PDB file of N, CA and C in Angstrom:
ATOM      1  N   UNK A   1     -55.016 -49.082-165.950  1.00  0.00           N
ATOM      2  CA  UNK A   1     -56.309 -49.715-166.191  1.00  0.00           C
ATOM      3  C   UNK A   1     -56.317 -50.331-167.581  1.00  0.00           C
ATOM      4  N   UNK A   2     -56.885 -51.512-167.682  1.00  0.00           N
ATOM      5  CA  UNK A   2     -56.948 -52.232-168.941  1.00  0.00           C
ATOM      6  C   UNK A   2     -58.305 -51.977-169.577  1.00  0.00           C
ATOM      7  N   UNK A   3     -58.296 -51.598-170.844  1.00  0.00           N
ATOM      8  CA  UNK A   3     -59.550 -51.400-171.560  1.00  0.00           C
ATOM      9  C   UNK A   3     -59.679 -52.468-172.623  1.00  0.00           C
ATOM     10  N   UNK A   4     -60.864 -53.035-172.719  1.00  0.00           N
ATOM     11  CA  UNK A   4     -61.116 -54.111-173.668  1.00  0.00           C
ATOM     12  C   UNK A   4     -62.494 -53.912-174.261  1.00  0.00           C
ATOM     13  N   UNK A   5     -62.590 -53.966-175.572  1.00  0.00           N
ATOM     14  CA  UNK A   5     -63.888 -53.841-176.222  1.00  0.00           C
ATOM     15  C   UNK A   5     -64.638 -55.157-176.086  1.00  0.00           C
ATOM     16  N   UNK A   6     -65.898 -55.056-175.682  1.00  0.00           N
ATOM     17  CA  UNK A   6     -66.704 -56.256-175.498  1.00  0.00           C
ATOM     18  C   UNK A   6     -68.003 -56.134-176.289  1.00  0.00           C
ATOM     19  N   UNK A   7     -68.595 -57.275-176.557  1.00  0.00           N
ATOM     20  CA  UNK A   7     -69.889 -57.316-177.216  1.00  0.00           C
ATOM     21  C   UNK A   7     -70.918 -56.711-176.261  1.00  0.00           C
ATOM     22  N   UNK A   8     -71.633 -55.661-176.664  1.00  0.00           N
ATOM     23  CA  UNK A   8     -72.609 -55.014-175.768  1.00  0.00           C
ATOM     24  C   UNK A   8     -73.648 -55.990-175.203  1.00  0.00           C
ATOM     25  N   UNK A   9     -73.928 -57.050-175.940  1.00  0.00           N
ATOM     26  CA  UNK A   9     -74.886 -58.064-175.486  1.00  0.00           C
ATOM     27  C   UNK A   9     -74.425 -58.729-174.195  1.00  0.00           C
ATOM     28  N   UNK A  10     -73.106 -58.828-173.982  1.00  0.00           N
ATOM     29  CA  UNK A  10     -72.548 -59.516-172.817  1.00  0.00           C
ATOM     30  C   UNK A  10     -71.952 -58.561-171.784  1.00  0.00           C
ATOM     31  N   UNK A  11     -72.123 -57.269-171.981  1.00  0.00           N
ATOM     32  CA  UNK A  11     -71.508 -56.288-171.090  1.00  0.00           C
ATOM     33  C   UNK A  11     -71.942 -56.463-169.631  1.00  0.00           C
ATOM     34  N   UNK A  12     -73.221 -56.588-169.375  1.00  0.00           N
ATOM     35  CA  UNK A  12     -73.706 -56.766-167.994  1.00  0.00           C
ATOM     36  C   UNK A  12     -73.244 -58.095-167.403  1.00  0.00           C
ATOM     37  N   UNK A  13     -73.156 -59.110-168.226  1.00  0.00           N
ATOM     38  CA  UNK A  13     -72.737 -60.442-167.778  1.00  0.00           C
ATOM     39  C   UNK A  13     -71.342 -60.429-167.165  1.00  0.00           C
ATOM     40  N   UNK A  14     -70.424 -59.649-167.722  1.00  0.00           N
ATOM     41  CA  UNK A  14     -69.030 -59.660-167.276  1.00  0.00           C
ATOM     42  C   UNK A  14     -68.861 -59.333-165.798  1.00  0.00           C
ATOM     43  N   UNK A  15     -69.696 -58.482-165.271  1.00  0.00           N
ATOM     44  CA  UNK A  15     -69.507 -58.040-163.891  1.00  0.00           C
ATOM     45  C   UNK A  15     -70.652 -58.465-162.967  1.00  0.00           C
ATOM     46  N   UNK A  16     -71.497 -59.352-163.433  1.00  0.00           N
ATOM     47  CA  UNK A  16     -72.608 -59.848-162.627  1.00  0.00           C
ATOM     48  C   UNK A  16     -72.182 -61.123-161.906  1.00  0.00           C
ATOM     49  N   UNK A  17     -71.989 -61.039-160.593  1.00  0.00           N
ATOM     50  CA  UNK A  17     -71.612 -62.198-159.782  1.00  0.00           C
ATOM     51  C   UNK A  17     -72.705 -62.514-158.756  1.00  0.00           C
ATOM     52  N   UNK A  18     -73.917 -61.982-158.954  1.00  0.00           N
ATOM     53  CA  UNK A  18     -75.002 -62.195-158.007  1.00  0.00           C
ATOM     54  C   UNK A  18     -75.637 -63.579-158.163  1.00  0.00           C
ATOM     55  N   UNK A  19     -75.483 -64.184-159.326  1.00  0.00           N
ATOM     56  CA  UNK A  19     -76.165 -65.452-159.604  1.00  0.00           C
ATOM     57  C   UNK A  19     -75.166 -66.605-159.623  1.00  0.00           C
ATOM     58  N   UNK A  20     -75.585 -67.721-159.062  1.00  0.00           N
ATOM     59  CA  UNK A  20     -74.735 -68.916-159.062  1.00  0.00           C
ATOM     60  C   UNK A  20     -74.650 -69.533-160.458  1.00  0.00           C
ATOM     61  N   UNK A  21     -75.748 -69.488-161.200  1.00  0.00           N
ATOM     62  CA  UNK A  21     -75.793 -70.049-162.549  1.00  0.00           C
ATOM     63  C   UNK A  21     -76.218 -68.965-163.526  1.00  0.00           C
ATOM     64  N   UNK A  22     -75.612 -68.963-164.690  1.00  0.00           N
ATOM     65  CA  UNK A  22     -75.975 -68.021-165.742  1.00  0.00           C
ATOM     66  C   UNK A  22     -76.034 -68.774-167.058  1.00  0.00           C
ATOM     67  N   UNK A  23     -77.015 -68.416-167.874  1.00  0.00           N
ATOM     68  CA  UNK A  23     -77.187 -69.040-169.176  1.00  0.00           C
ATOM     69  C   UNK A  23     -76.913 -67.986-170.240  1.00  0.00           C
ATOM     70  N   UNK A  24     -75.996 -68.293-171.146  1.00  0.00           N
ATOM     71  CA  UNK A  24     -75.691 -67.381-172.238  1.00  0.00           C
ATOM     72  C   UNK A  24     -76.378 -67.870-173.501  1.00  0.00           C
ATOM     73  N   UNK A  25     -77.015 -66.945-174.183  1.00  0.00           N
ATOM     74  CA  UNK A  25     -77.740 -67.285-175.397  1.00  0.00           C
ATOM     75  C   UNK A  25     -77.096 -66.561-176.563  1.00  0.00           C
ATOM     76  N   UNK A  26     -76.849 -67.304-177.621  1.00  0.00           N
ATOM     77  CA  UNK A  26     -76.266 -66.718-178.818  1.00  0.00           C
ATOM     78  C   UNK A  26     -75.911 -67.822-179.780  1.00  0.00           C
ATOM     79  N   UNK A  27     -75.839 -67.496-181.018  1.00  0.00           N
ATOM     80  CA  UNK A  27     -75.511 -68.480-182.034  1.00  0.00           C
ATOM     81  C   UNK A  27     -74.014 -68.730-182.124  1.00  0.00           C
ATOM     82  N   UNK A  28     -73.640 -69.544-183.076  1.00  0.00           N
ATOM     83  CA  UNK A  28     -72.247 -69.835-183.348  1.00  0.00           C
ATOM     84  C   UNK A  28     -71.526 -68.516-183.650  1.00  0.00           C
ATOM     85  N   UNK A  29     -70.397 -68.298-183.014  1.00  0.00           N
ATOM     86  CA  UNK A  29     -69.619 -67.091-183.271  1.00  0.00           C
ATOM     87  C   UNK A  29     -70.120 -65.852-182.551  1.00  0.00           C
ATOM     88  N   UNK A  30     -71.014 -66.030-181.580  1.00  0.00           N
ATOM     89  CA  UNK A  30     -71.560 -64.865-180.871  1.00  0.00           C
ATOM     90  C   UNK A  30     -70.667 -64.398-179.731  1.00  0.00           C
ATOM     91  N   UNK A  31     -69.568 -65.074-179.502  1.00  0.00           N
ATOM     92  CA  UNK A  31     -68.540 -64.746-178.504  1.00  0.00           C
ATOM     93  C   UNK A  31     -68.915 -65.145-177.075  1.00  0.00           C
ATOM     94  N   UNK A  32     -69.754 -66.175-176.932  1.00  0.00           N
ATOM     95  CA  UNK A  32     -70.112 -66.664-175.598  1.00  0.00           C
ATOM     96  C   UNK A  32     -68.870 -67.170-174.861  1.00  0.00           C
ATOM     97  N   UNK A  33     -68.122 -68.055-175.475  1.00  0.00           N
ATOM     98  CA  UNK A  33     -66.923 -68.618-174.842  1.00  0.00           C
ATOM     99  C   UNK A  33     -65.912 -67.533-174.518  1.00  0.00           C
ATOM    100  N   UNK A  34     -65.745 -66.601-175.434  1.00  0.00           N
ATOM    101  CA  UNK A  34     -64.801 -65.507-175.245  1.00  0.00           C
ATOM    102  C   UNK A  34     -65.153 -64.705-173.994  1.00  0.00           C
ATOM    103  N   UNK A  35     -66.415 -64.363-173.833  1.00  0.00           N
ATOM    104  CA  UNK A  35     -66.813 -63.531-172.703  1.00  0.00           C
ATOM    105  C   UNK A  35     -66.798 -64.292-171.379  1.00  0.00           C
ATOM    106  N   UNK A  36     -67.041 -65.587-171.400  1.00  0.00           N
ATOM    107  CA  UNK A  36     -66.906 -66.386-170.177  1.00  0.00           C
ATOM    108  C   UNK A  36     -65.436 -66.400-169.761  1.00  0.00           C
ATOM    109  N   UNK A  37     -64.533 -66.632-170.708  1.00  0.00           N
ATOM    110  CA  UNK A  37     -63.100 -66.639-170.399  1.00  0.00           C
ATOM    111  C   UNK A  37     -62.652 -65.266-169.896  1.00  0.00           C
ATOM    112  N   UNK A  38     -63.106 -64.208-170.539  1.00  0.00           N
ATOM    113  CA  UNK A  38     -62.753 -62.854-170.120  1.00  0.00           C
ATOM    114  C   UNK A  38     -63.259 -62.587-168.705  1.00  0.00           C
ATOM    115  N   UNK A  39     -64.470 -63.017-168.404  1.00  0.00           N
ATOM    116  CA  UNK A  39     -65.040 -62.829-167.065  1.00  0.00           C
ATOM    117  C   UNK A  39     -64.184 -63.527-166.010  1.00  0.00           C
ATOM    118  N   UNK A  40     -63.749 -64.742-166.299  1.00  0.00           N
ATOM    119  CA  UNK A  40     -62.911 -65.491-165.361  1.00  0.00           C
ATOM    120  C   UNK A  40     -61.580 -64.771-165.149  1.00  0.00           C
ATOM    121  N   UNK A  41     -60.967 -64.312-166.227  1.00  0.00           N
ATOM    122  CA  UNK A  41     -59.698 -63.594-166.112  1.00  0.00           C
ATOM    123  C   UNK A  41     -59.853 -62.339-165.264  1.00  0.00           C
ATOM    124  N   UNK A  42     -60.889 -61.565-165.515  1.00  0.00           N
ATOM    125  CA  UNK A  42     -61.117 -60.334-164.749  1.00  0.00           C
ATOM    126  C   UNK A  42     -61.300 -60.625-163.264  1.00  0.00           C
ATOM    127  N   UNK A  43     -62.046 -61.683-162.942  1.00  0.00           N
ATOM    128  CA  UNK A  43     -62.284 -62.038-161.536  1.00  0.00           C
ATOM    129  C   UNK A  43     -60.994 -62.483-160.864  1.00  0.00           C
ATOM    130  N   UNK A  44     -60.194 -63.289-161.561  1.00  0.00           N
ATOM    131  CA  UNK A  44     -58.962 -63.796-160.973  1.00  0.00           C
ATOM    132  C   UNK A  44     -57.894 -62.713-160.839  1.00  0.00           C
ATOM    133  N   UNK A  45     -57.986 -61.672-161.634  1.00  0.00           N
ATOM    134  CA  UNK A  45     -57.096 -60.523-161.458  1.00  0.00           C
ATOM    135  C   UNK A  45     -57.460 -59.739-160.193  1.00  0.00           C
ATOM    136  N   UNK A  46     -58.747 -59.721-159.845  1.00  0.00           N
ATOM    137  CA  UNK A  46     -59.235 -58.973-158.680  1.00  0.00           C
ATOM    138  C   UNK A  46     -59.032 -59.713-157.371  1.00  0.00           C
ATOM    139  N   UNK A  47     -59.267 -61.017-157.380  1.00  0.00           N
ATOM    140  CA  UNK A  47     -59.269 -61.813-156.157  1.00  0.00           C
ATOM    141  C   UNK A  47     -58.447 -63.076-156.348  1.00  0.00           C
ATOM    142  N   UNK A  48     -57.787 -63.499-155.271  1.00  0.00           N
ATOM    143  CA  UNK A  48     -57.035 -64.758-155.331  1.00  0.00           C
ATOM    144  C   UNK A  48     -58.024 -65.916-155.280  1.00  0.00           C
ATOM    145  N   UNK A  49     -58.109 -66.628-156.401  1.00  0.00           N
ATOM    146  CA  UNK A  49     -59.025 -67.759-156.536  1.00  0.00           C
ATOM    147  C   UNK A  49     -58.391 -68.812-157.434  1.00  0.00           C
ATOM    148  N   UNK A  50     -58.990 -69.985-157.425  1.00  0.00           N
ATOM    149  CA  UNK A  50     -58.631 -71.033-158.370  1.00  0.00           C
ATOM    150  C   UNK A  50     -59.868 -71.350-159.188  1.00  0.00           C
ATOM    151  N   UNK A  51     -59.709 -71.344-160.505  1.00  0.00           N
ATOM    152  CA  UNK A  51     -60.815 -71.670-161.410  1.00  0.00           C
ATOM    153  C   UNK A  51     -60.501 -73.001-162.095  1.00  0.00           C
ATOM    154  N   UNK A  52     -61.506 -73.799-162.274  1.00  0.00           N
ATOM    155  CA  UNK A  52     -61.380 -75.090-162.931  1.00  0.00           C
ATOM    156  C   UNK A  52     -62.137 -75.048-164.250  1.00  0.00           C
ATOM    157  N   UNK A  53     -61.446 -75.405-165.335  1.00  0.00           N
ATOM    158  CA  UNK A  53     -62.071 -75.490-166.657  1.00  0.00           C
ATOM    159  C   UNK A  53     -62.090 -76.963-167.043  1.00  0.00           C
ATOM    160  N   UNK A  54     -63.285 -77.473-167.304  1.00  0.00           N
ATOM    161  CA  UNK A  54     -63.444 -78.910-167.553  1.00  0.00           C
ATOM    162  C   UNK A  54     -63.995 -79.150-168.953  1.00  0.00           C
ATOM    163  N   UNK A  55     -63.393 -80.119-169.619  1.00  0.00           N
ATOM    164  CA  UNK A  55     -63.896 -80.624-170.904  1.00  0.00           C
ATOM    165  C   UNK A  55     -63.941 -82.143-170.793  1.00  0.00           C
ATOM    166  N   UNK A  56     -64.741 -82.770-171.625  1.00  0.00           N
ATOM    167  CA  UNK A  56     -64.850 -84.226-171.557  1.00  0.00           C
ATOM    168  C   UNK A  56     -63.501 -84.891-171.826  1.00  0.00           C
ATOM    169  N   UNK A  57     -62.776 -84.378-172.810  1.00  0.00           N
ATOM    170  CA  UNK A  57     -61.467 -84.951-173.157  1.00  0.00           C
ATOM    171  C   UNK A  57     -60.393 -83.895-172.880  1.00  0.00           C
ATOM    172  N   UNK A  58     -59.451 -84.224-171.999  1.00  0.00           N
ATOM    173  CA  UNK A  58     -58.415 -83.276-171.569  1.00  0.00           C
ATOM    174  C   UNK A  58     -57.624 -82.716-172.747  1.00  0.00           C
ATOM    175  N   UNK A  59     -57.240 -83.566-173.685  1.00  0.00           N
ATOM    176  CA  UNK A  59     -56.375 -83.137-174.793  1.00  0.00           C
ATOM    177  C   UNK A  59     -57.004 -82.064-175.679  1.00  0.00           C
ATOM    178  N   UNK A  60     -58.311 -81.923-175.655  1.00  0.00           N
ATOM    179  CA  UNK A  60     -58.951 -80.914-176.499  1.00  0.00           C
ATOM    180  C   UNK A  60     -58.811 -79.504-175.920  1.00  0.00           C
ATOM    181  N   UNK A  61     -58.366 -79.378-174.675  1.00  0.00           N
ATOM    182  CA  UNK A  61     -58.158 -78.053-174.074  1.00  0.00           C
ATOM    183  C   UNK A  61     -57.135 -77.232-174.858  1.00  0.00           C
ATOM    184  N   UNK A  62     -56.046 -77.874-175.246  1.00  0.00           N
ATOM    185  CA  UNK A  62     -54.916 -77.154-175.843  1.00  0.00           C
ATOM    186  C   UNK A  62     -55.343 -76.301-177.038  1.00  0.00           C
ATOM    187  N   UNK A  63     -56.207 -76.835-177.883  1.00  0.00           N
ATOM    188  CA  UNK A  63     -56.610 -76.114-179.095  1.00  0.00           C
ATOM    189  C   UNK A  63     -57.906 -75.331-178.918  1.00  0.00           C
ATOM    190  N   UNK A  64     -58.486 -75.379-177.735  1.00  0.00           N
ATOM    191  CA  UNK A  64     -59.750 -74.656-177.561  1.00  0.00           C
ATOM    192  C   UNK A  64     -59.682 -73.723-176.360  1.00  0.00           C
ATOM    193  N   UNK A  65     -60.005 -74.219-175.181  1.00  0.00           N
ATOM    194  CA  UNK A  65     -60.116 -73.351-174.012  1.00  0.00           C
ATOM    195  C   UNK A  65     -58.787 -72.720-173.612  1.00  0.00           C
ATOM    196  N   UNK A  66     -57.737 -73.519-173.534  1.00  0.00           N
ATOM    197  CA  UNK A  66     -56.425 -72.997-173.120  1.00  0.00           C
ATOM    198  C   UNK A  66     -55.938 -71.939-174.110  1.00  0.00           C
ATOM    199  N   UNK A  67     -56.063 -72.209-175.394  1.00  0.00           N
ATOM    200  CA  UNK A  67     -55.605 -71.239-176.400  1.00  0.00           C
ATOM    201  C   UNK A  67     -56.472 -69.977-176.388  1.00  0.00           C
ATOM    202  N   UNK A  68     -57.763 -70.106-176.070  1.00  0.00           N
ATOM    203  CA  UNK A  68     -58.633 -68.934-175.963  1.00  0.00           C
ATOM    204  C   UNK A  68     -58.182 -68.040-174.807  1.00  0.00           C
ATOM    205  N   UNK A  69     -57.907 -68.637-173.651  1.00  0.00           N
ATOM    206  CA  UNK A  69     -57.409 -67.859-172.515  1.00  0.00           C
ATOM    207  C   UNK A  69     -56.082 -67.175-172.866  1.00  0.00           C
ATOM    208  N   UNK A  70     -55.183 -67.910-173.502  1.00  0.00           N
ATOM    209  CA  UNK A  70     -53.898 -67.314-173.919  1.00  0.00           C
ATOM    210  C   UNK A  70     -54.109 -66.120-174.834  1.00  0.00           C
ATOM    211  N   UNK A  71     -55.002 -66.264-175.799  1.00  0.00           N
ATOM    212  CA  UNK A  71     -55.288 -65.198-176.767  1.00  0.00           C
ATOM    213  C   UNK A  71     -55.813 -63.940-176.059  1.00  0.00           C
ATOM    214  N   UNK A  72     -56.736 -64.115-175.127  1.00  0.00           N
ATOM    215  CA  UNK A  72     -57.303 -62.980-174.404  1.00  0.00           C
ATOM    216  C   UNK A  72     -56.232 -62.299-173.555  1.00  0.00           C
ATOM    217  N   UNK A  73     -55.417 -63.079-172.891  1.00  0.00           N
ATOM    218  CA  UNK A  73     -54.344 -62.531-172.051  1.00  0.00           C
ATOM    219  C   UNK A  73     -53.376 -61.712-172.898  1.00  0.00           C
ATOM    220  N   UNK A  74     -53.022 -62.217-174.071  1.00  0.00           N
ATOM    221  CA  UNK A  74     -52.139 -61.472-174.971  1.00  0.00           C
ATOM    222  C   UNK A  74     -52.812 -60.203-175.477  1.00  0.00           C
ATOM    223  N   UNK A  75     -54.074 -60.304-175.874  1.00  0.00           N
ATOM    224  CA  UNK A  75     -54.824 -59.131-176.355  1.00  0.00           C
ATOM    225  C   UNK A  75     -54.905 -58.035-175.299  1.00  0.00           C
ATOM    226  N   UNK A  76     -54.970 -58.433-174.038  1.00  0.00           N
ATOM    227  CA  UNK A  76     -55.075 -57.466-172.948  1.00  0.00           C
ATOM    228  C   UNK A  76     -53.711 -56.893-172.549  1.00  0.00           C
ATOM    229  N   UNK A  77     -52.648 -57.415-173.170  1.00  0.00           N
ATOM    230  CA  UNK A  77     -51.310 -56.939-172.843  1.00  0.00           C
ATOM    231  C   UNK A  77     -50.810 -57.438-171.498  1.00  0.00           C
ATOM    232  N   UNK A  78     -51.289 -58.599-171.074  1.00  0.00           N
ATOM    233  CA  UNK A  78     -50.921 -59.137-169.763  1.00  0.00           C
ATOM    234  C   UNK A  78     -50.001 -60.350-169.838  1.00  0.00           C
ATOM    235  N   UNK A  79     -49.493 -60.644-171.028  1.00  0.00           N
ATOM    236  CA  UNK A  79     -48.664 -61.841-171.196  1.00  0.00           C
ATOM    237  C   UNK A  79     -47.384 -61.784-170.361  1.00  0.00           C
ATOM    238  N   UNK A  80     -46.926 -60.588-170.025  1.00  0.00           N
ATOM    239  CA  UNK A  80     -45.716 -60.477-169.209  1.00  0.00           C
ATOM    240  C   UNK A  80     -46.010 -60.639-167.720  1.00  0.00           C
ATOM    241  N   UNK A  81     -47.281 -60.599-167.327  1.00  0.00           N
ATOM    242  CA  UNK A  81     -47.666 -60.718-165.921  1.00  0.00           C
ATOM    243  C   UNK A  81     -48.322 -62.058-165.597  1.00  0.00           C
ATOM    244  N   UNK A  82     -49.059 -62.605-166.554  1.00  0.00           N
ATOM    245  CA  UNK A  82     -49.793 -63.859-166.344  1.00  0.00           C
ATOM    246  C   UNK A  82     -49.066 -64.961-167.100  1.00  0.00           C
ATOM    247  N   UNK A  83     -48.722 -66.051-166.384  1.00  0.00           N
ATOM    248  CA  UNK A  83     -47.980 -67.151-166.995  1.00  0.00           C
ATOM    249  C   UNK A  83     -48.914 -68.258-167.456  1.00  0.00           C
ATOM    250  N   UNK A  84     -48.788 -68.611-168.714  1.00  0.00           N
ATOM    251  CA  UNK A  84     -49.531 -69.740-169.274  1.00  0.00           C
ATOM    252  C   UNK A  84     -48.570 -70.916-169.384  1.00  0.00           C
ATOM    253  N   UNK A  85     -48.773 -71.916-168.552  1.00  0.00           N
ATOM    254  CA  UNK A  85     -47.901 -73.088-168.494  1.00  0.00           C
ATOM    255  C   UNK A  85     -48.588 -74.218-169.246  1.00  0.00           C
ATOM    256  N   UNK A  86     -47.868 -74.820-170.192  1.00  0.00           N
ATOM    257  CA  UNK A  86     -48.513 -75.834-171.035  1.00  0.00           C
ATOM    258  C   UNK A  86     -48.449 -77.247-170.475  1.00  0.00           C
ATOM    259  N   UNK A  87     -47.547 -77.511-169.532  1.00  0.00           N
ATOM    260  CA  UNK A  87     -47.478 -78.866-168.995  1.00  0.00           C
ATOM    261  C   UNK A  87     -47.162 -78.836-167.503  1.00  0.00           C
ATOM    262  N   UNK A  88     -48.115 -79.118-166.643  1.00  0.00           N
ATOM    263  CA  UNK A  88     -49.531 -79.318-166.950  1.00  0.00           C
ATOM    264  C   UNK A  88     -50.182 -77.976-167.286  1.00  0.00           C
ATOM    265  N   UNK A  89     -51.246 -78.026-168.059  1.00  0.00           N
ATOM    266  CA  UNK A  89     -51.907 -76.795-168.491  1.00  0.00           C
ATOM    267  C   UNK A  89     -52.452 -76.041-167.280  1.00  0.00           C
ATOM    268  N   UNK A  90     -51.881 -74.865-167.061  1.00  0.00           N
ATOM    269  CA  UNK A  90     -52.307 -73.974-165.979  1.00  0.00           C
ATOM    270  C   UNK A  90     -52.058 -72.550-166.411  1.00  0.00           C
ATOM    271  N   UNK A  91     -52.807 -71.639-165.840  1.00  0.00           N
ATOM    272  CA  UNK A  91     -52.570 -70.216-166.039  1.00  0.00           C
ATOM    273  C   UNK A  91     -52.419 -69.631-164.647  1.00  0.00           C
ATOM    274  N   UNK A  92     -51.280 -68.973-164.417  1.00  0.00           N
ATOM    275  CA  UNK A  92     -50.954 -68.456-163.086  1.00  0.00           C
ATOM    276  C   UNK A  92     -50.905 -66.934-163.098  1.00  0.00           C
ATOM    277  N   UNK A  93     -51.564 -66.347-162.128  1.00  0.00           N
ATOM    278  CA  UNK A  93     -51.679 -64.912-162.013  1.00  0.00           C
ATOM    279  C   UNK A  93     -50.713 -64.390-160.948  1.00  0.00           C
ATOM    280  N   UNK A  94     -50.307 -63.121-161.046  1.00  0.00           N
ATOM    281  CA  UNK A  94     -49.340 -62.579-160.085  1.00  0.00           C
ATOM    282  C   UNK A  94     -49.850 -62.551-158.648  1.00  0.00           C
ATOM    283  N   UNK A  95     -51.159 -62.532-158.437  1.00  0.00           N
ATOM    284  CA  UNK A  95     -51.706 -62.499-157.073  1.00  0.00           C
ATOM    285  C   UNK A  95     -51.910 -63.884-156.470  1.00  0.00           C
ATOM    286  N   UNK A  96     -51.483 -64.932-157.177  1.00  0.00           N
ATOM    287  CA  UNK A  96     -51.640 -66.291-156.680  1.00  0.00           C
ATOM    288  C   UNK A  96     -52.848 -67.026-157.244  1.00  0.00           C
ATOM    289  N   UNK A  97     -53.699 -66.345-157.972  1.00  0.00           N
ATOM    290  CA  UNK A  97     -54.827 -67.014-158.619  1.00  0.00           C
ATOM    291  C   UNK A  97     -54.308 -67.953-159.691  1.00  0.00           C
ATOM    292  N   UNK A  98     -55.115 -68.958-160.020  1.00  0.00           N
ATOM    293  CA  UNK A  98     -54.719 -69.842-161.116  1.00  0.00           C
ATOM    294  C   UNK A  98     -55.943 -70.482-161.744  1.00  0.00           C
ATOM    295  N   UNK A  99     -55.755 -70.883-163.001  1.00  0.00           N
ATOM    296  CA  UNK A  99     -56.768 -71.626-163.734  1.00  0.00           C
ATOM    297  C   UNK A  99     -56.166 -72.986-164.027  1.00  0.00           C
ATOM    298  N   UNK A 100     -56.888 -74.045-163.681  1.00  0.00           N
ATOM    299  CA  UNK A 100     -56.431 -75.385-163.989  1.00  0.00           C
ATOM    300  C   UNK A 100     -57.401 -76.024-164.971  1.00  0.00           C
ATOM    301  N   UNK A 101     -56.891 -76.918-165.784  1.00  0.00           N
ATOM    302  CA  UNK A 101     -57.659 -77.546-166.857  1.00  0.00           C
ATOM    303  C   UNK A 101     -57.688 -79.053-166.611  1.00  0.00           C
ATOM    304  N   UNK A 102     -58.881 -79.623-166.622  1.00  0.00           N
ATOM    305  CA  UNK A 102     -59.049 -81.068-166.392  1.00  0.00           C
ATOM    306  C   UNK A 102     -59.985 -81.645-167.428  1.00  0.00           C
ATOM    307  N   UNK A 103     -59.864 -82.955-167.644  1.00  0.00           N
ATOM    308  CA  UNK A 103     -60.725 -83.654-168.579  1.00  0.00           C
ATOM    309  C   UNK A 103     -61.423 -84.801-167.918  1.00  0.00           C
TER     310      UNK A 103
END
């Protein structure tokens, strides 16, 4: 089992899949992006799915969203199980799940 410390403010959010849309409130540095990425990783570890991460400009993924996902995967000790492919940017899970990045 993987244990990860999370911001108590976002604890319920991580495992709440009852709502189609969710709004996160917090200031700069409140870890909103981090917890959204963590939630996606946790879901894709549980179920075979494909997640799409979209930004207006594709090239900005490398230094923002893609690197955030990589950082979380490494922090969780899953870098040997989850493959982060940089060209094209994808994250592949052992169960067949994947995250694709588009602009």
